[in-house]
């Protein structure tokens, strides 16, 4: 398994073919791909944060991770690589989102933290019409990097329900999650 940069146009085309429930993002700062031999198996697109409140010049957002499912650990490997690549660019907080019912296995394996439950809804308002969103439901915000927010107990409880397990009350110290 090798991780290397991929062009945004190629990453978008991959996401359109492979992602389970979203269209490709419109653009991005950079994209990384996981390759096994000569075959691309997973792609991540990194952009400026979609939420204006998070766009402080030091935060990035992984707007899409798409894997063909053929290689165990590919998604978590590319998520870790995104955090490293962001740090090299001076971006010390990286965010991403999963649907509330998803378990976030790749994010947990990459040692990201669930930091918030974000309420879903439409972007459109009477004063500014927007295209309908693909997924209106609540989402879990995940973060990694030096300035990542602390874990949210509410997000962890939601994940525990999604996993069908009891909430683990012992939260490892931050030092255990250095990337």
Foldseek 3Di string as FASTA:
>chain_A
DDKDWDAFVVLQVQCCVFPDFDHGDPGAPTKMFDDDPNDTFKMWGKHQDPDPVRRPVQEIEGEDIGGNPPDPLRLLVRVLVVCVVSVVVNRFKYKYKDALLDLCVSLVVNLWAFADKAAFDAPADPVHGDDGDRDRGIITMTMDGDPYHDHDPVSQCSSCVSVVHDRDPDDDDVVVNDD
